[in-house]
Each structure stands twice: as C-alpha cells, then as structure tokens.
Amino acid sequence: MESIIDDNVNAENKSFLYFLHEENKFDKKSFLDLCDYIQALDSITVLELRKLYFIQNQIIKHIVYHFDKNDMSKISNLPSNYWEYIERLDIIINSLKHITI
C-alpha cells in the first residue's frame, strides 16, 4: 500500500503535489492531509525522509515558478500566507526524531 508520501512523490491519487503539479492548484485539504500524516509517524526511514525533502523542494520550486515572470506556470488560489504553509511543513519535517534504518 502506498502512503501519502509516495503519492506526493509520484504526484498521484489527488495528493497535494498532484494538485500542484497537474492542476496548478494549491489544495489546502491535501496539504493538511500530508502534514497530518507526517505528524502521526512514530518513526521514519532515511528513504522516507529523503522523499519528504523532495516533496518540500518541489513545493518551493512550484511557488518560485509561480512568481517567475518568464514561467507560464501559475498556481490558482495560492494563499497570500503561502509562506506559513511552507514553514509549517518545515517545522513538521524537522521535528521528526525517530529515524530507523
């Protein structure tokens, strides 16, 4: 069974990165689902942590592309407080303490 993390890495199954990459839409519900999923983890593998950093990086890139006048990608309904969402994900990822190998 794939996790929300894998769905986001692959931009599948109505995940946050699916909406962001495929529909150019900032979907708050799928973002919060991702955050809730990560917060509920008891432990995480190094591979999963790498996947989380990939997801985080992709979100930041999409937002940068949104503001790049030379890029045609625009995110519909990007919240004006988008930086708070990025910060929330950063705090959640950085709070993961139990890494299993």
Protein backbone atom coordinates (compact mmCIF):
# COMPACT_ATOMS: atom_id res chain seq x y z
CA MET A 1 0.00 0.00 0.00
CA GLU A 2 1.40 3.34 -0.98
CA SER A 3 1.49 6.13 1.55
CA ILE A 4 0.57 9.77 1.23
CA ILE A 5 4.32 10.38 0.98
CA ASP A 6 4.64 8.13 -2.07
CA ASP A 7 1.50 9.60 -3.62
CA ASN A 8 3.07 13.05 -3.33
CA VAL A 9 6.44 11.96 -4.68
CA ASN A 10 4.65 10.50 -7.69
CA ALA A 11 2.05 13.31 -7.92
CA GLU A 12 -0.75 10.74 -7.83
CA ASN A 13 -4.08 9.97 -6.17
CA LYS A 14 -5.21 13.55 -5.56
CA SER A 15 -2.19 14.25 -3.37
CA PHE A 16 -1.00 17.79 -2.73
CA LEU A 17 1.73 17.54 -5.36
CA TYR A 18 -0.79 16.04 -7.77
CA PHE A 19 -2.92 19.18 -7.47
CA LEU A 20 0.09 21.48 -7.51
CA HIS A 21 1.86 19.82 -10.46
CA GLU A 22 -1.02 18.52 -12.56
CA GLU A 23 -3.72 21.11 -11.91
CA ASN A 24 -1.66 24.14 -10.82
CA LYS A 25 -3.86 24.35 -7.77
CA PHE A 26 -2.95 24.89 -4.12
CA ASP A 27 -5.23 22.37 -2.44
CA LYS A 28 -5.32 23.16 1.28
CA LYS A 29 -7.06 19.92 2.25
CA SER A 30 -4.45 17.68 0.63
CA PHE A 31 -1.68 19.84 2.12
CA LEU A 32 -3.16 19.45 5.60
CA ASP A 33 -3.64 15.71 5.00
CA LEU A 34 0.07 15.46 4.17
CA CYS A 35 1.04 17.40 7.29
CA ASP A 36 -1.24 15.31 9.50
CA TYR A 37 0.16 12.10 8.03
CA ILE A 38 3.75 13.16 8.69
CA GLN A 39 2.96 14.31 12.23
CA ALA A 40 1.39 10.95 13.03
CA LEU A 41 4.51 8.98 12.08
CA ASP A 42 6.12 7.16 15.01
CA SER A 43 9.34 6.61 13.09
CA ILE A 44 10.69 7.28 9.64
CA THR A 45 13.30 5.68 7.43
CA VAL A 46 16.10 7.57 5.76
CA LEU A 47 14.42 6.90 2.40
CA GLU A 48 11.13 8.37 3.62
CA LEU A 49 12.97 11.41 4.95
CA ARG A 50 14.58 11.90 1.55
CA LYS A 51 11.13 11.69 -0.01
CA LEU A 52 9.87 14.37 2.38
CA TYR A 53 12.75 16.65 1.41
CA PHE A 54 11.89 16.01 -2.26
CA ILE A 55 8.26 16.97 -1.61
CA GLN A 56 9.32 20.09 0.26
CA ASN A 57 11.69 21.05 -2.53
CA GLN A 58 9.01 20.56 -5.19
CA ILE A 59 6.56 22.78 -3.30
CA ILE A 60 9.12 25.56 -3.04
CA LYS A 61 10.04 25.22 -6.73
CA HIS A 62 6.40 25.46 -7.80
CA ILE A 63 5.93 28.61 -5.75
CA VAL A 64 9.10 30.12 -7.23
CA TYR A 65 7.85 29.24 -10.73
CA HIS A 66 4.54 30.89 -9.89
CA PHE A 67 6.28 34.20 -9.26
CA ASP A 68 8.73 33.89 -12.18
CA LYS A 69 7.55 36.22 -14.94
CA ASN A 70 9.32 34.06 -17.52
CA ASP A 71 7.49 30.89 -16.49
CA MET A 72 3.97 30.14 -17.63
CA SER A 73 3.12 28.10 -14.52
CA LYS A 74 0.67 29.86 -12.22
CA ILE A 75 -0.90 28.37 -9.11
CA SER A 76 -4.58 29.08 -8.77
CA ASN A 77 -5.76 30.03 -5.30
CA LEU A 78 -2.25 30.33 -3.86
CA PRO A 79 -2.90 31.66 -0.36
CA SER A 80 -1.43 35.05 0.40
CA ASN A 81 0.09 33.47 3.52
CA TYR A 82 1.72 30.68 1.48
CA TRP A 83 4.93 31.12 3.45
CA GLU A 84 3.14 29.98 6.61
CA TYR A 85 2.30 26.70 4.89
CA ILE A 86 5.90 26.19 3.85
CA GLU A 87 7.03 26.98 7.39
CA ARG A 88 4.51 24.55 8.87
CA LEU A 89 5.79 21.70 6.71
CA ASP A 90 9.38 22.63 7.53
CA ILE A 91 8.68 22.53 11.27
CA ILE A 92 6.91 19.17 10.98
CA ILE A 93 9.71 17.58 8.95
CA ASN A 94 12.40 18.98 11.23
CA SER A 95 10.58 17.67 14.30
CA LEU A 96 10.88 14.05 13.18
CA LYS A 97 13.17 12.46 15.74
CA HIS A 98 12.90 8.69 15.32
CA ILE A 99 14.69 7.68 12.17
CA THR A 100 15.02 3.96 11.55
CA ILE A 101 17.48 2.44 9.15
